[in-house]
Amino acid sequence: MAVAKEQEMKAMVQEMRAKVVEAEAEVPKALAAALREGKIGVLDYYNLQNLIADTQMRDSISKMGKNDDPSSGKKQI
């Protein structure tokens, strides 16, 4: 019974991931439409791209410390 439930949960997670990928694919289309229709300006678009790049940079910086070995006090490379 527990194995079946676990398999159901794994299938549900895969479904949700697929929906996220589909939704993320729509974002560039929506941005292009908003630019075409004049709902956002070019400066707004560049500010959004800067925000995305900044978020990615901060995420990569936060992952840099994940390889630390607290028992030795030294970073693993």
PDB file of N, CA and C in Angstrom:
ATOM      1  N   MET A   1       0.825  -1.194   0.000  1.00  0.00           N
ATOM      2  CA  MET A   1       0.000   0.000   0.000  1.00  0.00           C
ATOM      3  C   MET A   1       0.872   1.260   0.000  1.00  0.00           C
ATOM      4  N   ALA A   2       1.893   1.258   0.846  1.00  0.00           N
ATOM      5  CA  ALA A   2       2.769   2.422   0.934  1.00  0.00           C
ATOM      6  C   ALA A   2       3.567   2.615  -0.354  1.00  0.00           C
ATOM      7  N   VAL A   3       3.946   1.517  -0.984  1.00  0.00           N
ATOM      8  CA  VAL A   3       4.705   1.597  -2.232  1.00  0.00           C
ATOM      9  C   VAL A   3       3.847   2.224  -3.326  1.00  0.00           C
ATOM     10  N   ALA A   4       2.589   1.845  -3.386  1.00  0.00           N
ATOM     11  CA  ALA A   4       1.675   2.410  -4.382  1.00  0.00           C
ATOM     12  C   ALA A   4       1.494   3.908  -4.158  1.00  0.00           C
ATOM     13  N   LYS A   5       1.356   4.304  -2.905  1.00  0.00           N
ATOM     14  CA  LYS A   5       1.190   5.724  -2.584  1.00  0.00           C
ATOM     15  C   LYS A   5       2.441   6.508  -2.978  1.00  0.00           C
ATOM     16  N   GLU A   6       3.603   5.914  -2.725  1.00  0.00           N
ATOM     17  CA  GLU A   6       4.860   6.569  -3.086  1.00  0.00           C
ATOM     18  C   GLU A   6       4.956   6.762  -4.597  1.00  0.00           C
ATOM     19  N   GLN A   7       4.557   5.759  -5.352  1.00  0.00           N
ATOM     20  CA  GLN A   7       4.570   5.854  -6.813  1.00  0.00           C
ATOM     21  C   GLN A   7       3.595   6.925  -7.303  1.00  0.00           C
ATOM     22  N   GLU A   8       2.435   7.010  -6.666  1.00  0.00           N
ATOM     23  CA  GLU A   8       1.463   8.051  -7.020  1.00  0.00           C
ATOM     24  C   GLU A   8       2.049   9.432  -6.776  1.00  0.00           C
ATOM     25  N   MET A   9       2.730   9.587  -5.654  1.00  0.00           N
ATOM     26  CA  MET A   9       3.318  10.887  -5.313  1.00  0.00           C
ATOM     27  C   MET A   9       4.422  11.258  -6.307  1.00  0.00           C
ATOM     28  N   LYS A  10       5.227  10.279  -6.705  1.00  0.00           N
ATOM     29  CA  LYS A  10       6.280  10.543  -7.688  1.00  0.00           C
ATOM     30  C   LYS A  10       5.672  10.963  -9.017  1.00  0.00           C
ATOM     31  N   ALA A  11       4.591  10.308  -9.413  1.00  0.00           N
ATOM     32  CA  ALA A  11       3.910  10.662 -10.660  1.00  0.00           C
ATOM     33  C   ALA A  11       3.333  12.069 -10.578  1.00  0.00           C
ATOM     34  N   MET A  12       2.778  12.416  -9.417  1.00  0.00           N
ATOM     35  CA  MET A  12       2.210  13.751  -9.237  1.00  0.00           C
ATOM     36  C   MET A  12       3.301  14.822  -9.314  1.00  0.00           C
ATOM     37  N   VAL A  13       4.451  14.546  -8.732  1.00  0.00           N
ATOM     38  CA  VAL A  13       5.570  15.493  -8.788  1.00  0.00           C
ATOM     39  C   VAL A  13       6.003  15.702 -10.230  1.00  0.00           C
ATOM     40  N   GLN A  14       6.088  14.637 -10.999  1.00  0.00           N
ATOM     41  CA  GLN A  14       6.458  14.753 -12.407  1.00  0.00           C
ATOM     42  C   GLN A  14       5.427  15.568 -13.183  1.00  0.00           C
ATOM     43  N   GLU A  15       4.157  15.373 -12.887  1.00  0.00           N
ATOM     44  CA  GLU A  15       3.094  16.153 -13.533  1.00  0.00           C
ATOM     45  C   GLU A  15       3.247  17.633 -13.228  1.00  0.00           C
ATOM     46  N   MET A  16       3.496  17.945 -11.967  1.00  0.00           N
ATOM     47  CA  MET A  16       3.642  19.339 -11.559  1.00  0.00           C
ATOM     48  C   MET A  16       4.861  19.978 -12.222  1.00  0.00           C
ATOM     49  N   ARG A  17       5.953  19.236 -12.315  1.00  0.00           N
ATOM     50  CA  ARG A  17       7.153  19.762 -12.983  1.00  0.00           C
ATOM     51  C   ARG A  17       6.872  20.042 -14.451  1.00  0.00           C
ATOM     52  N   ALA A  18       6.114  19.169 -15.091  1.00  0.00           N
ATOM     53  CA  ALA A  18       5.757  19.371 -16.495  1.00  0.00           C
ATOM     54  C   ALA A  18       4.919  20.633 -16.661  1.00  0.00           C
ATOM     55  N   LYS A  19       4.007  20.872 -15.730  1.00  0.00           N
ATOM     56  CA  LYS A  19       3.180  22.080 -15.792  1.00  0.00           C
ATOM     57  C   LYS A  19       4.028  23.334 -15.604  1.00  0.00           C
ATOM     58  N   VAL A  20       5.019  23.268 -14.723  1.00  0.00           N
ATOM     59  CA  VAL A  20       5.913  24.415 -14.508  1.00  0.00           C
ATOM     60  C   VAL A  20       6.694  24.712 -15.781  1.00  0.00           C
ATOM     61  N   VAL A  21       7.202  23.681 -16.429  1.00  0.00           N
ATOM     62  CA  VAL A  21       7.955  23.865 -17.672  1.00  0.00           C
ATOM     63  C   VAL A  21       7.063  24.494 -18.737  1.00  0.00           C
ATOM     64  N   GLU A  22       5.831  24.029 -18.847  1.00  0.00           N
ATOM     65  CA  GLU A  22       4.890  24.603 -19.816  1.00  0.00           C
ATOM     66  C   GLU A  22       4.634  26.078 -19.515  1.00  0.00           C
ATOM     67  N   ALA A  23       4.434  26.401 -18.253  1.00  0.00           N
ATOM     68  CA  ALA A  23       4.168  27.788 -17.875  1.00  0.00           C
ATOM     69  C   ALA A  23       5.384  28.670 -18.137  1.00  0.00           C
ATOM     70  N   GLU A  24       6.576  28.161 -17.849  1.00  0.00           N
ATOM     71  CA  GLU A  24       7.792  28.940 -18.085  1.00  0.00           C
ATOM     72  C   GLU A  24       8.004  29.195 -19.575  1.00  0.00           C
ATOM     73  N   ALA A  25       7.543  28.294 -20.418  1.00  0.00           N
ATOM     74  CA  ALA A  25       7.672  28.475 -21.861  1.00  0.00           C
ATOM     75  C   ALA A  25       6.780  29.607 -22.365  1.00  0.00           C
ATOM     76  N   GLU A  26       5.730  29.923 -21.644  1.00  0.00           N
ATOM     77  CA  GLU A  26       4.812  30.986 -22.044  1.00  0.00           C
ATOM     78  C   GLU A  26       5.332  32.380 -21.686  1.00  0.00           C
ATOM     79  N   VAL A  27       6.261  32.477 -20.769  1.00  0.00           N
ATOM     80  CA  VAL A  27       6.742  33.785 -20.296  1.00  0.00           C
ATOM     81  C   VAL A  27       7.348  34.614 -21.424  1.00  0.00           C
ATOM     82  N   PRO A  28       8.281  34.085 -22.225  1.00  0.00           N
ATOM     83  CA  PRO A  28       8.828  34.910 -23.311  1.00  0.00           C
ATOM     84  C   PRO A  28       7.759  35.374 -24.308  1.00  0.00           C
ATOM     85  N   LYS A  29       6.783  34.518 -24.566  1.00  0.00           N
ATOM     86  CA  LYS A  29       5.697  34.897 -25.479  1.00  0.00           C
ATOM     87  C   LYS A  29       4.893  36.056 -24.898  1.00  0.00           C
ATOM     88  N   ALA A  30       4.612  35.981 -23.604  1.00  0.00           N
ATOM     89  CA  ALA A  30       3.846  37.044 -22.953  1.00  0.00           C
ATOM     90  C   ALA A  30       4.639  38.348 -22.926  1.00  0.00           C
ATOM     91  N   LEU A  31       5.949  38.259 -22.684  1.00  0.00           N
ATOM     92  CA  LEU A  31       6.784  39.462 -22.696  1.00  0.00           C
ATOM     93  C   LEU A  31       6.799  40.098 -24.079  1.00  0.00           C
ATOM     94  N   ALA A  32       6.941  39.278 -25.115  1.00  0.00           N
ATOM     95  CA  ALA A  32       6.947  39.800 -26.480  1.00  0.00           C
ATOM     96  C   ALA A  32       5.619  40.474 -26.808  1.00  0.00           C
ATOM     97  N   ALA A  33       4.527  39.863 -26.407  1.00  0.00           N
ATOM     98  CA  ALA A  33       3.208  40.451 -26.660  1.00  0.00           C
ATOM     99  C   ALA A  33       3.049  41.770 -25.913  1.00  0.00           C
ATOM    100  N   ALA A  34       3.513  41.822 -24.677  1.00  0.00           N
ATOM    101  CA  ALA A  34       3.406  43.054 -23.893  1.00  0.00           C
ATOM    102  C   ALA A  34       4.233  44.170 -24.517  1.00  0.00           C
ATOM    103  N   LEU A  35       5.416  43.840 -25.026  1.00  0.00           N
ATOM    104  CA  LEU A  35       6.233  44.849 -25.709  1.00  0.00           C
ATOM    105  C   LEU A  35       5.541  45.336 -26.977  1.00  0.00           C
ATOM    106  N   ARG A  36       5.007  44.403 -27.763  1.00  0.00           N
ATOM    107  CA  ARG A  36       4.320  44.759 -29.007  1.00  0.00           C
ATOM    108  C   ARG A  36       3.115  45.649 -28.753  1.00  0.00           C
ATOM    109  N   GLU A  37       2.369  45.322 -27.705  1.00  0.00           N
ATOM    110  CA  GLU A  37       1.131  46.047 -27.420  1.00  0.00           C
ATOM    111  C   GLU A  37       1.372  47.331 -26.633  1.00  0.00           C
ATOM    112  N   GLY A  38       2.606  47.587 -26.274  1.00  0.00           N
ATOM    113  CA  GLY A  38       2.925  48.812 -25.548  1.00  0.00           C
ATOM    114  C   GLY A  38       2.572  48.768 -24.075  1.00  0.00           C
ATOM    115  N   LYS A  39       2.343  47.590 -23.540  1.00  0.00           N
ATOM    116  CA  LYS A  39       1.999  47.477 -22.120  1.00  0.00           C
ATOM    117  C   LYS A  39       3.230  47.623 -21.233  1.00  0.00           C
ATOM    118  N   ILE A  40       4.396  47.273 -21.771  1.00  0.00           N
ATOM    119  CA  ILE A  40       5.653  47.557 -21.075  1.00  0.00           C
ATOM    120  C   ILE A  40       6.594  48.192 -22.085  1.00  0.00           C
ATOM    121  N   GLY A  41       7.492  49.016 -21.581  1.00  0.00           N
ATOM    122  CA  GLY A  41       8.457  49.673 -22.446  1.00  0.00           C
ATOM    123  C   GLY A  41       9.769  48.912 -22.476  1.00  0.00           C
ATOM    124  N   VAL A  42      10.649  49.382 -23.346  1.00  0.00           N
ATOM    125  CA  VAL A  42      11.950  48.739 -23.483  1.00  0.00           C
ATOM    126  C   VAL A  42      12.738  48.858 -22.189  1.00  0.00           C
ATOM    127  N   LEU A  43      12.666  50.009 -21.533  1.00  0.00           N
ATOM    128  CA  LEU A  43      13.386  50.194 -20.271  1.00  0.00           C
ATOM    129  C   LEU A  43      12.866  49.227 -19.207  1.00  0.00           C
ATOM    130  N   ASP A  44      11.558  49.031 -19.165  1.00  0.00           N
ATOM    131  CA  ASP A  44      10.989  48.046 -18.233  1.00  0.00           C
ATOM    132  C   ASP A  44      11.529  46.650 -18.527  1.00  0.00           C
ATOM    133  N   TYR A  45      11.630  46.327 -19.807  1.00  0.00           N
ATOM    134  CA  TYR A  45      12.143  45.018 -20.209  1.00  0.00           C
ATOM    135  C   TYR A  45      13.589  44.848 -19.747  1.00  0.00           C
ATOM    136  N   TYR A  46      14.426  45.874 -19.967  1.00  0.00           N
ATOM    137  CA  TYR A  46      15.825  45.778 -19.548  1.00  0.00           C
ATOM    138  C   TYR A  46      15.952  45.712 -18.031  1.00  0.00           C
ATOM    139  N   ASN A  47      15.104  46.432 -17.323  1.00  0.00           N
ATOM    140  CA  ASN A  47      15.124  46.344 -15.858  1.00  0.00           C
ATOM    141  C   ASN A  47      14.740  44.942 -15.394  1.00  0.00           C
ATOM    142  N   LEU A  48      13.789  44.325 -16.067  1.00  0.00           N
ATOM    143  CA  LEU A  48      13.392  42.956 -15.736  1.00  0.00           C
ATOM    144  C   LEU A  48      14.535  41.981 -16.004  1.00  0.00           C
ATOM    145  N   GLN A  49      15.213  42.148 -17.146  1.00  0.00           N
ATOM    146  CA  GLN A  49      16.346  41.276 -17.466  1.00  0.00           C
ATOM    147  C   GLN A  49      17.471  41.452 -16.441  1.00  0.00           C
ATOM    148  N   ASN A  50      17.688  42.683 -15.992  1.00  0.00           N
ATOM    149  CA  ASN A  50      18.703  42.950 -14.973  1.00  0.00           C
ATOM    150  C   ASN A  50      18.329  42.269 -13.663  1.00  0.00           C
ATOM    151  N   LEU A  51      17.066  42.311 -13.309  1.00  0.00           N
ATOM    152  CA  LEU A  51      16.590  41.658 -12.090  1.00  0.00           C
ATOM    153  C   LEU A  51      16.796  40.145 -12.166  1.00  0.00           C
ATOM    154  N   ILE A  52      16.497  39.565 -13.314  1.00  0.00           N
ATOM    155  CA  ILE A  52      16.685  38.122 -13.502  1.00  0.00           C
ATOM    156  C   ILE A  52      18.162  37.759 -13.390  1.00  0.00           C
ATOM    157  N   ALA A  53      19.026  38.535 -14.041  1.00  0.00           N
ATOM    158  CA  ALA A  53      20.464  38.257 -13.983  1.00  0.00           C
ATOM    159  C   ALA A  53      20.988  38.396 -12.560  1.00  0.00           C
ATOM    160  N   ASP A  54      20.515  39.407 -11.844  1.00  0.00           N
ATOM    161  CA  ASP A  54      20.943  39.615 -10.461  1.00  0.00           C
ATOM    162  C   ASP A  54      20.520  38.442  -9.579  1.00  0.00           C
ATOM    163  N   THR A  55      19.308  37.965  -9.780  1.00  0.00           N
ATOM    164  CA  THR A  55      18.812  36.825  -9.003  1.00  0.00           C
ATOM    165  C   THR A  55      19.638  35.576  -9.286  1.00  0.00           C
ATOM    166  N   GLN A  56      19.964  35.340 -10.556  1.00  0.00           N
ATOM    167  CA  GLN A  56      20.786  34.184 -10.908  1.00  0.00           C
ATOM    168  C   GLN A  56      22.181  34.296 -10.300  1.00  0.00           C
ATOM    169  N   MET A  57      22.745  35.502 -10.304  1.00  0.00           N
ATOM    170  CA  MET A  57      24.063  35.713  -9.719  1.00  0.00           C
ATOM    171  C   MET A  57      24.039  35.417  -8.226  1.00  0.00           C
ATOM    172  N   ARG A  58      23.041  35.934  -7.535  1.00  0.00           N
ATOM    173  CA  ARG A  58      22.939  35.697  -6.090  1.00  0.00           C
ATOM    174  C   ARG A  58      22.739  34.216  -5.783  1.00  0.00           C
ATOM    175  N   ASP A  59      21.973  33.541  -6.621  1.00  0.00           N
ATOM    176  CA  ASP A  59      21.756  32.109  -6.435  1.00  0.00           C
ATOM    177  C   ASP A  59      23.064  31.341  -6.601  1.00  0.00           C
ATOM    178  N   SER A  60      23.840  31.687  -7.623  1.00  0.00           N
ATOM    179  CA  SER A  60      25.105  30.978  -7.834  1.00  0.00           C
ATOM    180  C   SER A  60      26.101  31.281  -6.723  1.00  0.00           C
ATOM    181  N   ILE A  61      26.094  32.502  -6.199  1.00  0.00           N
ATOM    182  CA  ILE A  61      26.976  32.843  -5.078  1.00  0.00           C
ATOM    183  C   ILE A  61      26.584  32.046  -3.846  1.00  0.00           C
ATOM    184  N   SER A  62      25.294  31.900  -3.613  1.00  0.00           N
ATOM    185  CA  SER A  62      24.853  31.159  -2.427  1.00  0.00           C
ATOM    186  C   SER A  62      25.207  29.684  -2.520  1.00  0.00           C
ATOM    187  N   LYS A  63      25.301  29.151  -3.732  1.00  0.00           N
ATOM    188  CA  LYS A  63      25.650  27.740  -3.905  1.00  0.00           C
ATOM    189  C   LYS A  63      27.147  27.498  -3.783  1.00  0.00           C
ATOM    190  N   MET A  64      27.957  28.546  -3.862  1.00  0.00           N
ATOM    191  CA  MET A  64      29.408  28.381  -3.781  1.00  0.00           C
ATOM    192  C   MET A  64      29.833  27.823  -2.430  1.00  0.00           C
ATOM    193  N   GLY A  65      29.165  28.184  -1.364  1.00  0.00           N
ATOM    194  CA  GLY A  65      29.534  27.735  -0.038  1.00  0.00           C
ATOM    195  C   GLY A  65      29.014  26.358   0.314  1.00  0.00           C
ATOM    196  N   LYS A  66      28.283  25.726  -0.561  1.00  0.00           N
ATOM    197  CA  LYS A  66      27.685  24.424  -0.265  1.00  0.00           C
ATOM    198  C   LYS A  66      28.723  23.305  -0.174  1.00  0.00           C
ATOM    199  N   ASN A  67      29.925  23.490  -0.732  1.00  0.00           N
ATOM    200  CA  ASN A  67      30.948  22.448  -0.732  1.00  0.00           C
ATOM    201  C   ASN A  67      31.861  22.523   0.480  1.00  0.00           C
ATOM    202  N   ASP A  68      31.561  23.376   1.429  1.00  0.00           N
ATOM    203  CA  ASP A  68      32.389  23.490   2.626  1.00  0.00           C
ATOM    204  C   ASP A  68      32.262  22.239   3.477  1.00  0.00           C
ATOM    205  N   ASP A  69      33.377  21.816   4.051  1.00  0.00           N
ATOM    206  CA  ASP A  69      33.385  20.678   4.969  1.00  0.00           C
ATOM    207  C   ASP A  69      33.556  21.242   6.375  1.00  0.00           C
ATOM    208  N   PRO A  70      32.492  21.326   7.168  1.00  0.00           N
ATOM    209  CA  PRO A  70      32.577  21.962   8.480  1.00  0.00           C
ATOM    210  C   PRO A  70      33.494  21.223   9.451  1.00  0.00           C
ATOM    211  N   SER A  71      33.719  19.937   9.268  1.00  0.00           N
ATOM    212  CA  SER A  71      34.548  19.187  10.209  1.00  0.00           C
ATOM    213  C   SER A  71      36.025  19.517  10.057  1.00  0.00           C
ATOM    214  N   SER A  72      36.475  19.843   8.847  1.00  0.00           N
ATOM    215  CA  SER A  72      37.897  20.111   8.647  1.00  0.00           C
ATOM    216  C   SER A  72      38.214  21.597   8.689  1.00  0.00           C
ATOM    217  N   GLY A  73      37.203  22.426   8.525  1.00  0.00           N
ATOM    218  CA  GLY A  73      37.445  23.860   8.512  1.00  0.00           C
ATOM    219  C   GLY A  73      38.015  24.341   7.189  1.00  0.00           C
ATOM    220  N   LYS A  74      38.094  23.470   6.201  1.00  0.00           N
ATOM    221  CA  LYS A  74      38.628  23.826   4.892  1.00  0.00           C
ATOM    222  C   LYS A  74      37.559  23.621   3.829  1.00  0.00           C
ATOM    223  N   LYS A  75      37.681  24.410   2.768  1.00  0.00           N
ATOM    224  CA  LYS A  75      36.772  24.247   1.639  1.00  0.00           C
ATOM    225  C   LYS A  75      37.223  23.082   0.787  1.00  0.00           C
ATOM    226  N   GLN A  76      36.263  22.331   0.288  1.00  0.00           N
ATOM    227  CA  GLN A  76      36.576  21.271  -0.661  1.00  0.00           C
ATOM    228  C   GLN A  76      36.464  21.834  -2.058  1.00  0.00           C
ATOM    229  N   ILE A  77      37.374  21.458  -2.904  1.00  0.00           N
ATOM    230  CA  ILE A  77      37.360  21.960  -4.279  1.00  0.00           C
ATOM    231  C   ILE A  77      37.039  20.839  -5.230  1.00  0.00           C
TER     232      ILE A  77
END
